[in-house]
Amino acid sequence: MEIRVTHDGSHTLYNPQLNENYHSVNGAVDESNHVFVEAGLRPVLKEKKGIYLLEVGFGTGLNAWLSVCDVQEHFPESLVSYVAIEPNPIPDETVAQLNYSSLRNGTSHAGELYYQLHQAPWETETKVLKNQFHIRKLPVRLEDFKPYWLFDLIYYDAFAPNKQPEMWDKALFQRLYDITVPGGVLVTYCAKGQFKRDLREIGWEVESLPGPTGKREMTRAVKPLTAPV
């Protein structure tokens, strides 16, 4: 793994096996905030105070960290039960070199929260913020994941379809549809035409939203309220 600096000053990791970065080179923090927090977490928490959230691709922990910071700042009465699946966890020594916490201002104990997420034991629920944010990390592939509940929100953050095509197979999104509550939301940076057509064929209501810096679009999909549980 190689640490690289993106255009907003935040780090990303470069995976030489896939010849791919973990985040947008136009800004790792900017992309994660835009796609997952602003288009996913905030709208869902405005409708529900308690949610179950699934992240596919924990990676550097950036999405989880921005989420816990946002809950602490803006949703003091909410409880997020966060499940993150990641078959290839990043080594602690690499995590220690990432600069995210030094870029975050206005959040109480931001750096401490970031390291709490990474230090939380795998396969055990950890209360990062006692009454606001609980996390359970699982070192499994999506196809092997056995959920305990249905989810209100899904962050889909796998590598790009041309780098990791198996993670964009239609059958996986059918499975995600099946474990999402009616009215539940899936957000991802990907806006490929075939991907959106697959979602619609499964039954998702698909919306193309403006993308983060350097990207024209992103995707937000909603399971219809009338869909059977």
Protein backbone atom coordinates (compact mmCIF):
# COMPACT_ATOMS: atom_id res chain seq x y z
CA MET A 1 0.00 0.00 0.00
CA GLU A 2 1.17 3.50 -0.82
CA ILE A 3 -0.17 6.63 0.91
CA ARG A 4 -1.02 9.42 -1.51
CA VAL A 5 -2.22 12.99 -0.97
CA THR A 6 -5.46 13.94 -2.76
CA HIS A 7 -6.37 17.43 -3.95
CA ASP A 8 -8.17 18.46 -0.75
CA GLY A 9 -5.07 17.60 1.29
CA SER A 10 -6.44 14.35 2.70
CA HIS A 11 -4.78 10.98 2.26
CA THR A 12 -5.84 7.98 0.25
CA LEU A 13 -4.27 4.57 -0.23
CA TYR A 14 -3.08 3.21 -3.54
CA ASN A 15 -3.58 -0.52 -4.11
CA PRO A 16 -0.86 -1.68 -6.55
CA GLN A 17 -2.55 -5.04 -7.19
CA LEU A 18 -5.61 -3.30 -8.61
CA ASN A 19 -3.77 -0.17 -9.78
CA GLU A 20 -6.47 1.81 -7.99
CA ASN A 21 -6.84 4.40 -5.21
CA TYR A 22 -9.21 3.89 -2.30
CA HIS A 23 -10.71 7.36 -2.84
CA SER A 24 -11.00 10.07 -5.46
CA VAL A 25 -7.72 11.84 -6.21
CA ASN A 26 -9.82 15.04 -6.29
CA GLY A 27 -10.33 14.77 -2.53
CA ALA A 28 -10.83 11.77 -0.28
CA VAL A 29 -12.67 13.61 2.50
CA ASP A 30 -14.64 15.68 -0.01
CA GLU A 31 -15.84 12.56 -1.84
CA SER A 32 -16.79 10.64 1.32
CA ASN A 33 -18.66 13.58 2.81
CA HIS A 34 -20.52 14.31 -0.40
CA VAL A 35 -21.54 10.77 -1.34
CA PHE A 36 -22.11 9.07 1.98
CA VAL A 37 -22.77 11.70 4.65
CA GLU A 38 -24.55 14.45 2.73
CA ALA A 39 -26.49 12.27 0.27
CA GLY A 40 -27.08 9.32 2.59
CA LEU A 41 -26.70 9.75 6.34
CA ARG A 42 -28.19 13.20 6.82
CA PRO A 43 -31.41 12.71 4.80
CA VAL A 44 -32.06 9.35 6.47
CA LEU A 45 -31.43 10.65 10.01
CA LYS A 46 -33.81 13.54 9.36
CA GLU A 47 -36.53 10.94 8.89
CA LYS A 48 -35.52 8.42 11.58
CA LYS A 49 -33.73 8.84 14.91
CA GLY A 50 -32.55 5.25 15.09
CA ILE A 51 -31.08 3.50 12.05
CA TYR A 52 -29.15 0.42 11.05
CA LEU A 53 -26.39 1.27 8.57
CA LEU A 54 -24.33 -1.18 6.49
CA GLU A 55 -21.04 -0.17 4.92
CA VAL A 56 -19.65 -2.42 2.18
CA GLY A 57 -15.92 -1.68 2.20
CA PHE A 58 -14.68 -0.30 5.55
CA GLY A 59 -11.23 0.37 4.05
CA THR A 60 -9.47 3.26 5.78
CA GLY A 61 -12.46 3.86 8.05
CA LEU A 62 -12.98 7.30 6.52
CA ASN A 63 -16.72 6.89 5.86
CA ALA A 64 -17.37 5.54 9.35
CA TRP A 65 -15.32 8.30 10.95
CA LEU A 66 -17.00 11.13 9.04
CA SER A 67 -20.33 9.55 9.95
CA VAL A 68 -19.65 9.34 13.69
CA CYS A 69 -18.38 12.94 13.67
CA ASP A 70 -21.51 14.09 11.86
CA VAL A 71 -23.79 12.26 14.28
CA GLN A 72 -21.97 13.83 17.22
CA GLU A 73 -22.23 17.33 15.73
CA HIS A 74 -25.68 17.36 14.15
CA PHE A 75 -27.82 14.48 15.47
CA PRO A 76 -27.37 14.33 19.26
CA GLU A 77 -30.64 12.44 19.77
CA SER A 78 -29.98 9.79 17.12
CA LEU A 79 -28.56 6.29 17.40
CA VAL A 80 -26.69 4.75 14.46
CA SER A 81 -25.98 1.02 14.60
CA TYR A 82 -23.18 0.72 12.04
CA VAL A 83 -22.09 -2.58 10.50
CA ALA A 84 -18.95 -2.51 8.34
CA ILE A 85 -17.75 -5.46 6.29
CA GLU A 86 -14.16 -5.61 5.08
CA PRO A 87 -12.44 -8.86 4.04
CA ASN A 88 -9.00 -7.20 3.86
CA PRO A 89 -8.49 -4.94 6.89
CA ILE A 90 -5.73 -2.33 6.67
CA PRO A 91 -2.74 -2.84 9.04
CA ASP A 92 -2.62 -0.65 12.14
CA GLU A 93 0.74 0.80 11.14
CA THR A 94 -0.81 2.12 7.91
CA VAL A 95 -3.82 3.55 9.73
CA ALA A 96 -1.48 5.45 12.06
CA GLN A 97 0.04 7.32 9.10
CA LEU A 98 -3.24 8.60 7.63
CA ASN A 99 -3.92 12.28 8.22
CA TYR A 100 -7.71 12.47 8.38
CA SER A 101 -8.07 13.42 12.04
CA SER A 102 -5.66 16.35 11.68
CA LEU A 103 -7.92 17.84 8.98
CA ARG A 104 -11.14 17.70 10.96
CA ASN A 105 -12.09 20.87 12.87
CA GLY A 106 -15.04 21.59 15.10
CA THR A 107 -15.61 18.03 16.27
CA SER A 108 -14.95 17.07 19.86
CA HIS A 109 -12.21 14.42 20.09
CA ALA A 110 -12.17 13.83 16.31
CA GLY A 111 -8.79 12.10 16.31
CA GLU A 112 -9.74 9.95 19.28
CA LEU A 113 -12.93 8.86 17.52
CA TYR A 114 -10.98 7.84 14.42
CA TYR A 115 -8.65 5.59 16.36
CA GLN A 116 -11.52 4.20 18.44
CA LEU A 117 -13.13 2.93 15.24
CA HIS A 118 -9.95 1.15 14.20
CA GLN A 119 -9.14 -0.16 17.67
CA ALA A 120 -12.63 -1.57 18.12
CA PRO A 121 -12.37 -5.38 18.10
CA TRP A 122 -13.66 -7.18 15.04
CA GLU A 123 -16.91 -9.17 15.26
CA THR A 124 -17.96 -7.38 18.46
CA GLU A 125 -20.26 -4.40 18.88
CA THR A 126 -18.42 -1.37 20.27
CA LYS A 127 -20.15 1.73 21.62
CA VAL A 128 -18.00 4.49 20.16
CA LEU A 129 -20.51 7.12 21.30
CA LYS A 130 -22.53 5.45 24.03
CA ASN A 131 -26.05 6.51 23.02
CA GLN A 132 -25.32 7.70 19.48
CA PHE A 133 -23.01 5.42 17.51
CA HIS A 134 -22.30 1.69 17.83
CA ILE A 135 -20.10 -0.21 15.37
CA ARG A 136 -19.59 -3.86 14.51
CA LYS A 137 -16.81 -4.67 12.02
CA LEU A 138 -16.86 -7.99 10.23
CA PRO A 139 -13.92 -9.43 8.21
CA VAL A 140 -16.14 -11.10 5.61
CA ARG A 141 -17.03 -10.79 1.94
CA LEU A 142 -20.46 -9.45 1.05
CA GLU A 143 -21.57 -12.80 -0.36
CA ASP A 144 -20.74 -14.46 2.98
CA PHE A 145 -22.32 -11.76 5.16
CA LYS A 146 -25.17 -12.96 7.39
CA PRO A 147 -27.07 -9.92 8.68
CA TYR A 148 -28.73 -9.71 12.07
CA TRP A 149 -31.32 -7.17 10.89
CA LEU A 150 -32.60 -5.16 7.94
CA PHE A 151 -30.85 -1.91 7.07
CA ASP A 152 -32.12 1.64 6.67
CA LEU A 153 -29.02 2.85 4.82
CA ILE A 154 -26.23 1.22 2.81
CA TYR A 155 -22.89 2.79 1.92
CA TYR A 156 -21.58 0.94 -1.13
CA ASP A 157 -17.87 1.72 -1.41
CA ALA A 158 -16.23 -1.13 -3.30
CA PHE A 159 -13.50 -0.49 -5.85
CA ALA A 160 -14.66 0.66 -9.29
CA PRO A 161 -16.47 -1.79 -11.61
CA ASN A 162 -13.54 -1.96 -14.04
CA LYS A 163 -11.18 -2.85 -11.18
CA GLN A 164 -13.36 -5.18 -9.12
CA PRO A 165 -16.23 -6.30 -11.41
CA GLU A 166 -17.32 -9.12 -9.11
CA MET A 167 -18.45 -6.50 -6.56
CA TRP A 168 -20.90 -5.02 -9.07
CA ASP A 169 -22.69 -8.22 -9.97
CA LYS A 170 -26.46 -7.80 -10.14
CA ALA A 171 -26.99 -10.67 -7.69
CA LEU A 172 -25.21 -8.75 -4.92
CA PHE A 173 -27.55 -5.80 -5.29
CA GLN A 174 -30.53 -8.13 -5.23
CA ARG A 175 -29.20 -9.43 -1.91
CA LEU A 176 -28.78 -5.90 -0.62
CA TYR A 177 -32.32 -5.10 -1.72
CA ASP A 178 -33.56 -8.08 0.26
CA ILE A 179 -31.88 -6.91 3.48
CA THR A 180 -33.02 -3.28 3.17
CA VAL A 181 -36.19 -1.97 4.83
CA PRO A 182 -38.88 -0.49 2.57
CA GLY A 183 -37.90 3.13 2.16
CA GLY A 184 -34.26 2.27 2.82
CA VAL A 185 -31.48 3.98 0.88
CA LEU A 186 -28.28 2.88 -0.92
CA VAL A 187 -25.67 5.46 -1.89
CA THR A 188 -22.52 5.04 -3.95
CA TYR A 189 -20.09 7.09 -6.00
CA CYS A 190 -20.68 4.85 -9.05
CA ALA A 191 -22.94 6.17 -11.82
CA LYS A 192 -22.37 3.59 -14.58
CA GLY A 193 -25.35 3.07 -16.89
CA GLN A 194 -25.41 -0.73 -16.60
CA PHE A 195 -25.21 -0.52 -12.82
CA LYS A 196 -28.24 1.78 -12.67
CA ARG A 197 -30.17 -0.40 -15.11
CA ASP A 198 -29.48 -3.44 -12.91
CA LEU A 199 -30.74 -1.59 -9.85
CA ARG A 200 -33.97 -0.62 -11.60
CA GLU A 201 -34.58 -4.18 -12.80
CA ILE A 202 -34.24 -5.42 -9.22
CA GLY A 203 -36.80 -2.87 -8.01
CA TRP A 204 -34.73 0.02 -6.64
CA GLU A 205 -35.93 3.54 -7.42
CA VAL A 206 -32.77 5.12 -8.85
CA GLU A 207 -31.78 8.77 -8.72
CA SER A 208 -28.69 10.35 -10.27
CA LEU A 209 -27.33 13.15 -8.08
CA PRO A 210 -24.50 15.63 -8.72
CA GLY A 211 -21.20 13.95 -7.92
CA PRO A 212 -18.32 15.16 -5.75
CA THR A 213 -15.51 17.31 -7.09
CA GLY A 214 -14.26 15.95 -10.40
CA LYS A 215 -17.22 13.60 -10.96
CA ARG A 216 -20.42 14.51 -12.79
CA GLU A 217 -22.82 12.10 -11.05
CA MET A 218 -23.32 9.68 -8.18
CA THR A 219 -26.17 7.25 -7.47
CA ARG A 220 -28.82 7.16 -4.77
CA ALA A 221 -31.26 4.25 -4.80
CA VAL A 222 -34.35 3.77 -2.63
CA LYS A 223 -36.30 0.59 -1.95
CA PRO A 224 -39.99 1.43 -2.54
CA LEU A 225 -42.18 1.80 0.55
CA THR A 226 -44.59 -0.71 -0.94
CA ALA A 227 -41.91 -3.39 -1.36
CA PRO A 228 -42.50 -6.56 0.69
CA VAL A 229 -40.22 -7.15 3.67
